[in-house]
Amino acid sequence: MTFPGVHRRTKIFLAAAALLLCVPIYAQGQRPQAGSAEQHYEKGVALLGKQQVDAAIAELAQATRLSPDNPLAHYYLGYALGAKGSLPEAIAEYEAAVRLKPDFGEAQYYLGAARWFTNDVKGAIEALSAAARLMPEHANAHYYLGLALQKKGDAAAAVNELERAVKIAPGMIAARHALGLALQQDENLDAAIEAFREVVRLKPDFVQAHNDLGLALVQKRDPAGAITEFNAALALEPDNVIAHHNLGMALIQKGDYAAAVAQYRKLLTLTPDDSWAHYNMALALKQKDSLDEAVVELKRAAQLQPGLQEAHYTLGVIYLQQSKLDAAAASFRAAIEAKRDYAEAHYTLGTVFQQQGKLDEAIAAFREALRYAPNAPEVHNTLGTALRQKGDMDAARAEFQEAARLNKIKSNMQAATFATNTGLARLKEGNLDAAIERFRAAVQLDPTSAQAYYNLAKALQQKGQQAAARSAYQKAKELDPRIKPLQ
């Protein structure tokens, strides 16, 4: 069984290596008896080495029937079944092999990889963890373990395994690419960008890596760099629809709306019924103040994909800008029909009702928005205004007070972010006292910030205040169980 990403291994090499290691050696004059388990086993492995898989399966199956306690027979039978694509049957044989010999590293590895390809993430992690422990220099064991951990959502652990794979096998492109994706998932954009850049350096024709690097640069607010990467992907694969989409998005981020419109028109020659291409072109046209053209594209997007709530909502916003209140209300209702918990659509529908003098409908819409976005101060404030217009002063006062409370929290969170960033700058300069002061200010401003507590723990650790560092780290861990361990 040959898995994608296996580093410098093929079915032939694996079978040949196993032959050298695993076929029994007999004393002069000794051979296994005809029809014995040993003979079927030897013949099956030899056939596997010659890629005669069906014949190998028959021999190895007979070997396991005659000698069910032979872990090697189960292992090779599992390998042969995997080569045929019979993964459930292969898994059963690998499980038999590791049950008989728990320290059988290769069997644990192939068991984990087969479970990975059958979407058994938990089982894959269990077997691959054993394989990585038994064979710490096995790059592929760390690689697949990293993939499984990433799929589980444990990005930090995935990064550790993938870094290990890359250290063992620096030229392993698949592991480097997966590392970039895991770092991106772990919100470490700088490191992700570095990983993707190394991938495209090692393999310049890797279209997906150029695309992923471009997306990371978009996240980093570097549209010019992203545009370079998406163009590189398109130079390699001119009809790559995803790269065309992403290039248009990067051009919008850059503010080059005319180029974005041209890009989406080009994309629509490839995929004329692409609802997202029509929608994104409408966004660019809206930014160009070409509202009538934007309306045409939004209507087309909604026609192609009625459940595309963003198209209905943006259409409503344009109608609202044009003072077409009835049309705006209809579009916001369509957005809500597509997505019942669309808080912004409920809120903006309420503002339409408010402008139309329909205060009861407006108040109901604002309350509905608060069901889905209870911590939005602007909704509380606007609801308070509508209630005051209605003459319900006590209810209005309560909404204004809640809006003020939430605005204070929002302001404190923004100040905490600024304090954290300042603390990181002081930490980088080596000014520990100033860094600690800023991180402490951050956690006072925003006691829910796991990142502020984590950075405070790092600074305290460097200062030698181990007990205080542990306390701050514990608080960070309580707020975010997936926070990275202190180095």
Protein backbone atom coordinates (compact mmCIF):
# COMPACT_ATOMS: atom_id res chain seq x y z
CA MET A 1 0.00 0.00 0.00
CA THR A 2 1.54 3.29 -1.06
CA PHE A 3 0.20 6.36 0.73
CA PRO A 4 0.46 9.93 -0.62
CA GLY A 5 3.37 11.77 0.91
CA VAL A 6 5.37 8.67 1.78
CA HIS A 7 8.96 9.92 1.67
CA ARG A 8 11.19 8.01 -0.78
CA ARG A 9 9.29 4.80 -0.27
CA THR A 10 7.39 2.66 -2.71
CA LYS A 11 5.61 -0.62 -2.43
CA ILE A 12 8.54 -2.42 -4.04
CA PHE A 13 11.15 -0.95 -1.73
CA LEU A 14 9.09 -1.62 1.36
CA ALA A 15 8.50 -5.23 0.39
CA ALA A 16 12.17 -5.73 -0.52
CA ALA A 17 13.37 -4.22 2.74
CA ALA A 18 10.94 -6.39 4.66
CA LEU A 19 12.16 -9.48 2.85
CA LEU A 20 15.69 -8.83 4.02
CA LEU A 21 14.56 -8.31 7.59
CA CYS A 22 11.71 -10.70 8.07
CA VAL A 23 11.98 -13.91 5.99
CA PRO A 24 13.16 -16.73 8.27
CA ILE A 25 16.70 -18.08 7.75
CA TYR A 26 16.99 -21.85 7.85
CA ALA A 27 20.00 -23.99 8.64
CA GLN A 28 21.60 -25.94 5.79
CA GLY A 29 19.23 -28.62 4.59
CA GLN A 30 16.25 -27.14 6.39
CA ARG A 31 13.27 -25.82 4.44
CA PRO A 32 9.69 -25.30 5.54
CA GLN A 33 7.42 -28.25 4.93
CA ALA A 34 5.22 -28.17 1.84
CA GLY A 35 1.84 -26.69 2.69
CA SER A 36 3.07 -25.36 6.02
CA ALA A 37 2.30 -21.88 7.31
CA GLU A 38 5.95 -20.93 6.86
CA GLN A 39 5.93 -21.94 3.21
CA HIS A 40 2.75 -19.97 2.46
CA TYR A 41 4.21 -17.01 4.31
CA GLU A 42 7.52 -17.08 2.43
CA LYS A 43 5.78 -17.50 -0.91
CA GLY A 44 3.33 -14.68 -0.15
CA VAL A 45 6.09 -12.22 0.73
CA ALA A 46 8.04 -13.18 -2.38
CA LEU A 47 4.96 -12.66 -4.56
CA LEU A 48 4.35 -9.31 -2.93
CA GLY A 49 7.90 -8.29 -3.76
CA LYS A 50 7.12 -9.14 -7.40
CA GLN A 51 3.91 -7.06 -7.18
CA GLN A 52 1.76 -10.14 -7.76
CA VAL A 53 -0.68 -8.88 -5.18
CA ASP A 54 -3.67 -11.19 -5.70
CA ALA A 55 -1.49 -14.31 -5.47
CA ALA A 56 0.31 -12.86 -2.45
CA ILE A 57 -3.01 -12.29 -0.68
CA ALA A 58 -4.04 -15.90 -1.24
CA GLU A 59 -0.76 -17.25 0.17
CA LEU A 60 -0.62 -14.88 3.13
CA ALA A 61 -4.28 -15.49 4.02
CA GLN A 62 -3.51 -19.22 4.11
CA ALA A 63 -0.46 -18.53 6.29
CA THR A 64 -2.58 -16.60 8.82
CA ARG A 65 -5.18 -19.38 8.86
CA LEU A 66 -2.53 -22.02 9.55
CA SER A 67 -0.56 -19.84 11.96
CA PRO A 68 -2.83 -17.14 13.35
CA ASP A 69 -0.22 -16.03 15.91
CA ASN A 70 2.35 -14.86 13.32
CA PRO A 71 2.34 -11.01 13.39
CA LEU A 72 4.48 -10.78 10.25
CA ALA A 73 1.97 -12.78 8.21
CA HIS A 74 -0.83 -10.48 9.33
CA TYR A 75 1.33 -7.42 8.57
CA TYR A 76 2.16 -8.48 5.01
CA LEU A 77 -1.42 -9.56 4.37
CA GLY A 78 -2.54 -6.13 5.56
CA TYR A 79 0.00 -4.52 3.26
CA ALA A 80 -1.20 -6.56 0.26
CA LEU A 81 -4.86 -5.82 1.01
CA GLY A 82 -4.02 -2.13 1.28
CA ALA A 83 -2.30 -2.25 -2.09
CA LYS A 84 -5.60 -3.56 -3.50
CA GLY A 85 -7.48 -0.69 -1.84
CA SER A 86 -9.24 -2.97 0.63
CA LEU A 87 -8.55 -0.72 3.60
CA PRO A 88 -11.06 -2.14 6.12
CA GLU A 89 -9.64 -5.64 5.60
CA ALA A 90 -6.08 -4.28 5.73
CA ILE A 91 -6.85 -2.54 9.02
CA ALA A 92 -8.11 -5.78 10.51
CA GLU A 93 -4.81 -7.50 9.63
CA TYR A 94 -2.68 -4.65 10.96
CA GLU A 95 -4.73 -4.71 14.16
CA ALA A 96 -4.02 -8.42 14.49
CA ALA A 97 -0.31 -7.78 13.95
CA VAL A 98 -0.05 -5.11 16.66
CA ARG A 99 -2.25 -7.09 19.02
CA LEU A 100 0.26 -9.95 18.75
CA LYS A 101 3.29 -7.64 18.78
CA PRO A 102 2.50 -4.17 20.22
CA ASP A 103 6.06 -2.93 19.60
CA PHE A 104 5.82 -3.67 15.85
CA GLY A 105 6.51 -0.10 14.70
CA GLU A 106 5.91 -0.53 10.96
CA ALA A 107 2.60 -2.28 11.59
CA GLN A 108 1.53 0.54 13.92
CA TYR A 109 2.49 3.06 11.22
CA TYR A 110 0.53 1.37 8.44
CA LEU A 111 -2.41 0.78 10.78
CA GLY A 112 -2.45 4.50 11.61
CA ALA A 113 -2.12 5.56 7.97
CA ALA A 114 -4.91 3.20 6.88
CA ARG A 115 -7.16 4.49 9.65
CA TRP A 116 -6.36 8.04 8.52
CA PHE A 117 -7.51 7.25 4.99
CA THR A 118 -10.75 5.78 6.34
CA ASN A 119 -11.38 8.96 8.39
CA ASP A 120 -10.84 7.25 11.74
CA VAL A 121 -8.96 10.20 13.20
CA LYS A 122 -8.96 8.98 16.80
CA GLY A 123 -7.74 5.51 15.81
CA ALA A 124 -5.12 7.01 13.51
CA ILE A 125 -3.72 9.18 16.30
CA GLU A 126 -3.53 6.18 18.64
CA ALA A 127 -1.60 3.99 16.18
CA LEU A 128 0.60 6.74 14.75
CA SER A 129 1.54 7.95 18.23
CA ALA A 130 2.74 4.42 18.97
CA ALA A 131 4.62 4.30 15.66
CA ALA A 132 6.33 7.65 16.31
CA ARG A 133 7.31 6.51 19.80
CA LEU A 134 8.68 3.19 18.55
CA MET A 135 10.40 4.71 15.48
CA PRO A 136 11.27 8.31 16.46
CA GLU A 137 13.17 8.90 13.19
CA HIS A 138 10.29 7.75 10.99
CA ALA A 139 9.35 10.95 9.13
CA ASN A 140 6.11 9.57 7.73
CA ALA A 141 4.82 8.49 11.13
CA HIS A 142 5.25 12.05 12.39
CA TYR A 143 3.77 13.42 9.16
CA TYR A 144 0.54 11.42 9.27
CA LEU A 145 0.27 11.93 13.02
CA GLY A 146 0.51 15.67 12.35
CA LEU A 147 -2.24 15.45 9.73
CA ALA A 148 -4.50 13.53 12.11
CA LEU A 149 -3.91 15.97 14.97
CA GLN A 150 -4.62 18.88 12.64
CA LYS A 151 -7.91 17.31 11.56
CA LYS A 152 -8.77 16.77 15.22
CA GLY A 153 -8.29 20.52 15.72
CA ASP A 154 -5.14 20.29 17.85
CA ALA A 155 -3.06 22.67 15.73
CA ALA A 156 -0.26 23.13 18.27
CA ALA A 157 0.36 19.36 18.59
CA ALA A 158 0.12 19.01 14.80
CA VAL A 159 2.80 21.67 14.36
CA ASN A 160 5.12 19.78 16.74
CA GLU A 161 4.78 16.53 14.78
CA LEU A 162 5.13 18.15 11.37
CA GLU A 163 8.19 20.10 12.50
CA ARG A 164 9.68 16.79 13.59
CA ALA A 165 8.91 15.25 10.19
CA VAL A 166 10.57 18.16 8.39
CA LYS A 167 13.62 17.97 10.64
CA ILE A 168 14.04 14.27 9.85
CA ALA A 169 13.35 14.70 6.12
CA PRO A 170 14.09 18.31 5.08
CA GLY A 171 13.13 17.63 1.47
CA MET A 172 9.71 16.21 2.32
CA ILE A 173 7.47 18.67 0.46
CA ALA A 174 4.17 17.25 1.71
CA ALA A 175 5.26 17.65 5.34
CA ARG A 176 6.44 21.24 4.80
CA HIS A 177 3.17 22.11 3.10
CA ALA A 178 1.12 20.51 5.88
CA LEU A 179 3.26 22.37 8.42
CA GLY A 180 2.36 25.67 6.76
CA LEU A 181 -1.34 24.81 6.93
CA ALA A 182 -1.08 23.78 10.60
CA LEU A 183 0.77 26.98 11.50
CA GLN A 184 -1.93 28.95 9.68
CA GLN A 185 -4.59 27.10 11.66
CA ASP A 186 -2.62 27.88 14.83
CA GLU A 187 -2.77 31.59 13.85
CA ASN A 188 1.02 31.81 13.50
CA LEU A 189 0.91 33.58 10.14
CA ASP A 190 4.56 34.64 10.00
CA ALA A 191 5.76 31.07 10.49
CA ALA A 192 3.13 29.75 8.04
CA ILE A 193 4.28 32.19 5.38
CA GLU A 194 7.88 31.14 5.95
CA ALA A 195 6.91 27.46 5.60
CA PHE A 196 4.96 28.06 2.38
CA ARG A 197 7.83 30.12 0.93
CA GLU A 198 10.19 27.21 1.56
CA VAL A 199 7.77 24.84 -0.16
CA VAL A 200 7.60 26.94 -3.33
CA ARG A 201 11.38 27.38 -3.23
CA LEU A 202 11.84 23.61 -3.15
CA LYS A 203 9.03 22.94 -5.62
CA PRO A 204 8.31 26.05 -7.72
CA ASP A 205 5.61 24.28 -9.77
CA PHE A 206 3.47 23.41 -6.71
CA VAL A 207 0.28 25.30 -7.60
CA GLN A 208 -1.51 24.67 -4.29
CA ALA A 209 1.46 25.96 -2.30
CA HIS A 210 1.46 29.23 -4.25
CA ASN A 211 -2.27 29.49 -3.59
CA ASP A 212 -1.90 28.79 0.14
CA LEU A 213 0.97 31.25 0.43
CA GLY A 214 -1.21 33.85 -1.27
CA LEU A 215 -4.06 33.21 1.17
CA ALA A 216 -1.71 33.57 4.14
CA LEU A 217 -0.47 36.88 2.71
CA VAL A 218 -4.08 38.05 2.32
CA GLN A 219 -4.60 37.26 6.01
CA LYS A 220 -1.43 39.22 6.75
CA ARG A 221 -2.91 42.18 4.84
CA ASP A 222 -0.23 41.96 2.15
CA PRO A 223 -2.33 41.99 -1.04
CA ALA A 224 0.61 42.83 -3.30
CA GLY A 225 2.50 39.73 -2.17
CA ALA A 226 -0.66 37.65 -2.45
CA ILE A 227 -1.28 38.86 -6.01
CA THR A 228 2.24 37.73 -6.96
CA GLU A 229 1.56 34.22 -5.65
CA PHE A 230 -1.87 33.87 -7.25
CA ASN A 231 -0.41 35.02 -10.58
CA ALA A 232 2.35 32.42 -10.15
CA ALA A 233 -0.30 29.74 -9.62
CA LEU A 234 -2.18 30.89 -12.74
CA ALA A 235 1.01 30.95 -14.81
CA LEU A 236 1.36 27.25 -13.97
CA GLU A 237 -2.33 26.42 -14.33
CA PRO A 238 -4.20 29.15 -16.28
CA ASP A 239 -7.67 27.65 -15.74
CA ASN A 240 -7.33 27.18 -11.97
CA VAL A 241 -10.68 28.53 -10.77
CA ILE A 242 -9.64 28.81 -7.11
CA ALA A 243 -6.58 30.90 -7.98
CA HIS A 244 -8.75 33.15 -10.17
CA HIS A 245 -11.18 33.64 -7.27
CA ASN A 246 -8.38 34.40 -4.84
CA LEU A 247 -6.67 36.83 -7.21
CA GLY A 248 -9.91 38.79 -7.47
CA MET A 249 -10.21 38.84 -3.68
CA ALA A 250 -6.63 40.10 -3.31
CA LEU A 251 -7.26 42.85 -5.86
CA ILE A 252 -10.31 43.96 -3.86
CA GLN A 253 -8.20 43.98 -0.70
CA LYS A 254 -5.61 46.09 -2.51
CA GLY A 255 -8.34 48.54 -3.54
CA ASP A 256 -7.82 47.96 -7.27
CA TYR A 257 -11.52 47.49 -7.96
CA ALA A 258 -11.30 47.94 -11.74
CA ALA A 259 -8.71 45.14 -11.95
CA ALA A 260 -10.87 43.00 -9.65
CA VAL A 261 -13.88 43.44 -11.92
CA ALA A 262 -11.77 42.52 -14.94
CA GLN A 263 -10.46 39.47 -13.09
CA TYR A 264 -13.96 38.24 -12.21
CA ARG A 265 -15.12 38.81 -15.79
CA LYS A 266 -12.23 36.59 -16.91
CA LEU A 267 -13.23 33.97 -14.34
CA LEU A 268 -16.83 34.04 -15.55
CA THR A 269 -15.69 33.10 -19.05
CA LEU A 270 -14.44 29.86 -17.44
CA THR A 271 -17.38 29.31 -15.07
CA PRO A 272 -20.34 31.48 -16.17
CA ASP A 273 -22.67 29.99 -13.53
CA ASP A 274 -20.31 30.60 -10.60
CA SER A 275 -22.52 32.39 -8.04
CA TRP A 276 -19.55 33.45 -5.90
CA ALA A 277 -17.80 35.01 -8.91
CA HIS A 278 -20.93 37.08 -9.66
CA TYR A 279 -21.19 38.03 -5.97
CA ASN A 280 -17.55 39.06 -5.61
CA MET A 281 -17.66 41.03 -8.84
CA ALA A 282 -20.68 42.83 -7.41
CA LEU A 283 -18.66 43.77 -4.32
CA ALA A 284 -15.96 45.28 -6.52
CA LEU A 285 -18.56 47.13 -8.62
CA LYS A 286 -20.20 48.44 -5.42
CA GLN A 287 -16.84 49.81 -4.28
CA LYS A 288 -16.53 51.53 -7.69
CA ASP A 289 -19.99 53.07 -7.09
CA SER A 290 -21.27 51.17 -10.13
CA LEU A 291 -24.39 50.30 -8.16
CA ASP A 292 -26.69 49.40 -11.05
CA GLU A 293 -24.14 46.93 -12.44
CA ALA A 294 -23.63 45.54 -8.93
CA VAL A 295 -27.37 44.96 -8.60
CA VAL A 296 -27.37 42.95 -11.85
CA GLU A 297 -24.55 40.72 -10.59
CA LEU A 298 -26.13 40.25 -7.16
CA LYS A 299 -29.45 39.26 -8.68
CA ARG A 300 -27.64 36.75 -10.88
CA ALA A 301 -25.74 35.35 -7.88
CA ALA A 302 -28.98 34.97 -5.89
CA GLN A 303 -30.70 33.36 -8.88
CA LEU A 304 -27.89 30.81 -9.24
CA GLN A 305 -27.71 30.15 -5.50
CA PRO A 306 -30.87 31.22 -3.64
CA GLY A 307 -29.30 30.30 -0.31
CA LEU A 308 -26.42 32.75 -0.77
CA GLN A 309 -27.47 35.04 2.06
CA GLU A 310 -24.63 37.50 1.44
CA ALA A 311 -25.97 38.28 -2.04
CA HIS A 312 -29.44 39.08 -0.71
CA TYR A 313 -28.01 41.17 2.13
CA THR A 314 -25.66 43.21 -0.08
CA LEU A 315 -28.49 43.78 -2.54
CA GLY A 316 -30.56 45.11 0.36
CA VAL A 317 -27.74 47.45 1.40
CA ILE A 318 -27.56 48.91 -2.12
CA TYR A 319 -31.33 49.40 -2.23
CA LEU A 320 -31.12 51.09 1.16
CA GLN A 321 -28.41 53.41 -0.19
CA GLN A 322 -30.74 54.21 -3.09
CA SER A 323 -33.66 54.83 -0.67
CA LYS A 324 -35.63 51.96 -2.23
CA LEU A 325 -36.95 50.89 1.15
CA ASP A 326 -39.50 48.28 0.07
CA ALA A 327 -36.97 46.54 -2.17
CA ALA A 328 -34.38 46.72 0.62
CA ALA A 329 -36.79 45.14 3.10
CA ALA A 330 -37.58 42.34 0.63
CA SER A 331 -33.87 41.60 0.16
CA PHE A 332 -33.17 41.54 3.90
CA ARG A 333 -36.10 39.17 4.39
CA ALA A 334 -34.65 36.91 1.68
CA ALA A 335 -31.27 36.97 3.51
CA ILE A 336 -33.02 35.97 6.74
CA GLU A 337 -34.90 33.20 4.97
CA ALA A 338 -31.54 31.85 3.77
CA LYS A 339 -29.97 32.20 7.22
CA ARG A 340 -32.34 32.52 10.15
CA ASP A 341 -29.63 33.62 12.62
CA TYR A 342 -28.29 36.37 10.34
CA ALA A 343 -28.11 39.09 13.01
CA GLU A 344 -26.96 41.84 10.65
CA ALA A 345 -29.88 41.24 8.31
CA HIS A 346 -32.37 41.39 11.20
CA TYR A 347 -30.75 44.61 12.42
CA THR A 348 -30.65 46.32 9.03
CA LEU A 349 -34.22 45.25 8.31
CA GLY A 350 -35.11 46.97 11.57
CA THR A 351 -33.47 50.20 10.41
CA VAL A 352 -35.57 50.04 7.22
CA PHE A 353 -38.74 49.67 9.29
CA GLN A 354 -37.59 52.54 11.49
CA GLN A 355 -37.18 54.79 8.45
CA GLN A 356 -40.64 53.76 7.27
CA GLY A 357 -42.11 54.70 10.64
CA LYS A 358 -43.02 51.06 11.43
CA LEU A 359 -41.77 51.17 15.02
CA ASP A 360 -43.35 47.93 16.21
CA GLU A 361 -41.80 46.00 13.32
CA ALA A 362 -38.48 47.77 13.89
CA ILE A 363 -38.42 46.92 17.59
CA ALA A 364 -39.28 43.28 16.82
CA ALA A 365 -36.47 43.11 14.23
CA PHE A 366 -33.92 44.65 16.65
CA ARG A 367 -34.94 42.20 19.39
CA GLU A 368 -34.55 39.35 16.90
CA ALA A 369 -31.05 40.61 16.04
CA LEU A 370 -30.18 40.58 19.76
CA ARG A 371 -31.22 36.92 20.00
CA TYR A 372 -28.25 36.11 17.76
CA ALA A 373 -25.87 38.97 18.69
CA PRO A 374 -26.63 39.86 22.33
CA ASN A 375 -23.30 41.67 22.79
CA ALA A 376 -23.69 44.14 19.91
CA PRO A 377 -23.81 47.61 21.49
CA GLU A 378 -25.05 49.34 18.34
CA VAL A 379 -28.15 47.10 18.25
CA HIS A 380 -28.98 47.88 21.89
CA ASN A 381 -28.47 51.57 21.20
CA THR A 382 -30.70 51.58 18.09
CA LEU A 383 -33.34 49.53 19.91
CA GLY A 384 -33.21 52.10 22.70
CA THR A 385 -33.85 54.89 20.18
CA ALA A 386 -36.86 53.03 18.72
CA LEU A 387 -38.27 52.37 22.20
CA ARG A 388 -37.86 56.04 23.09
CA GLN A 389 -39.68 56.99 19.88
CA LYS A 390 -42.41 54.60 20.94
CA GLY A 391 -42.60 56.31 24.36
CA ASP A 392 -41.30 53.36 26.43
CA MET A 393 -38.69 55.35 28.36
CA ASP A 394 -37.81 52.71 30.98
CA ALA A 395 -37.10 50.05 28.37
CA ALA A 396 -35.17 52.58 26.28
CA ARG A 397 -33.03 53.55 29.28
CA ALA A 398 -32.19 49.89 29.95
CA GLU A 399 -31.04 49.43 26.35
CA PHE A 400 -28.91 52.59 26.44
CA GLN A 401 -27.28 51.41 29.68
CA GLU A 402 -26.53 47.99 28.19
CA ALA A 403 -25.07 49.63 25.09
CA ALA A 404 -22.82 51.79 27.29
CA ARG A 405 -21.68 48.74 29.28
CA LEU A 406 -20.86 46.79 26.13
CA ASN A 407 -19.07 49.75 24.56
CA LYS A 408 -16.93 49.99 27.70
CA ILE A 409 -16.01 46.30 27.39
CA LYS A 410 -15.25 46.77 23.70
CA SER A 411 -13.07 49.78 24.45
CA ASN A 412 -11.24 47.84 27.17
CA MET A 413 -10.61 44.93 24.82
CA GLN A 414 -9.15 47.27 22.21
CA ALA A 415 -6.95 48.88 24.87
CA ALA A 416 -5.91 45.42 26.08
CA THR A 417 -4.88 44.46 22.56
CA PHE A 418 -2.79 47.62 22.30
CA ALA A 419 -1.21 46.94 25.71
CA THR A 420 -0.44 43.33 24.69
CA ASN A 421 1.21 44.46 21.45
CA THR A 422 3.25 47.05 23.33
CA GLY A 423 4.26 44.38 25.84
CA LEU A 424 5.40 42.08 23.03
CA ALA A 425 7.52 44.89 21.61
CA ARG A 426 9.11 45.51 25.04
CA LEU A 427 9.67 41.75 25.43
CA LYS A 428 11.43 41.62 22.07
CA GLU A 429 13.66 44.49 23.21
CA GLY A 430 14.54 42.55 26.36
CA ASN A 431 12.84 45.08 28.66
CA LEU A 432 11.14 42.52 30.91
CA ASP A 433 9.85 44.93 33.54
CA ALA A 434 8.11 47.12 30.99
CA ALA A 435 6.72 44.05 29.22
CA ILE A 436 5.31 42.61 32.46
CA GLU A 437 3.71 45.97 33.32
CA ARG A 438 1.98 46.12 29.91
CA PHE A 439 0.79 42.50 30.07
CA ARG A 440 -0.60 43.07 33.58
CA ALA A 441 -2.41 46.14 32.29
CA ALA A 442 -3.82 44.04 29.46
CA VAL A 443 -5.27 41.35 31.75
CA GLN A 444 -6.80 44.03 33.97
CA LEU A 445 -8.46 45.62 30.95
CA ASP A 446 -9.60 42.30 29.52
CA PRO A 447 -9.66 39.43 32.04
CA THR A 448 -10.91 37.09 29.30
CA SER A 449 -7.78 37.41 27.13
CA ALA A 450 -5.95 34.08 27.18
CA GLN A 451 -3.20 35.54 24.98
CA ALA A 452 -2.50 38.37 27.43
CA TYR A 453 -2.17 35.91 30.32
CA TYR A 454 0.04 33.66 28.20
CA ASN A 455 2.40 36.49 27.29
CA LEU A 456 2.47 37.60 30.92
CA ALA A 457 3.46 34.04 31.88
CA LYS A 458 6.28 34.06 29.29
CA ALA A 459 7.64 37.37 30.56
CA LEU A 460 7.44 36.27 34.20
CA GLN A 461 9.19 33.01 33.35
CA GLN A 462 12.03 34.90 31.68
CA LYS A 463 12.19 37.14 34.74
CA GLY A 464 12.67 34.05 36.91
CA GLN A 465 9.33 34.42 38.72
CA GLN A 466 8.34 30.81 38.18
CA ALA A 467 5.39 30.62 40.60
CA ALA A 468 3.79 33.75 39.15
CA ALA A 469 4.46 32.46 35.63
CA ARG A 470 2.72 29.16 36.41
CA SER A 471 -0.26 31.02 37.86
CA ALA A 472 -0.61 33.25 34.77
CA TYR A 473 -0.21 30.28 32.45
CA GLN A 474 -2.85 28.31 34.34
CA LYS A 475 -5.27 31.20 33.89
CA ALA A 476 -4.47 31.30 30.15
CA LYS A 477 -5.08 27.54 29.96
CA GLU A 478 -8.45 27.89 31.70
CA LEU A 479 -9.50 30.54 29.18
CA ASP A 480 -8.15 28.60 26.18
CA PRO A 481 -7.45 24.89 26.75
CA ARG A 482 -5.54 24.76 23.43
CA ILE A 483 -3.02 27.44 24.42
CA LYS A 484 0.59 26.52 23.62
CA PRO A 485 2.84 25.16 26.39
CA LEU A 486 5.40 27.56 27.81
CA GLN A 487 8.80 26.96 26.21
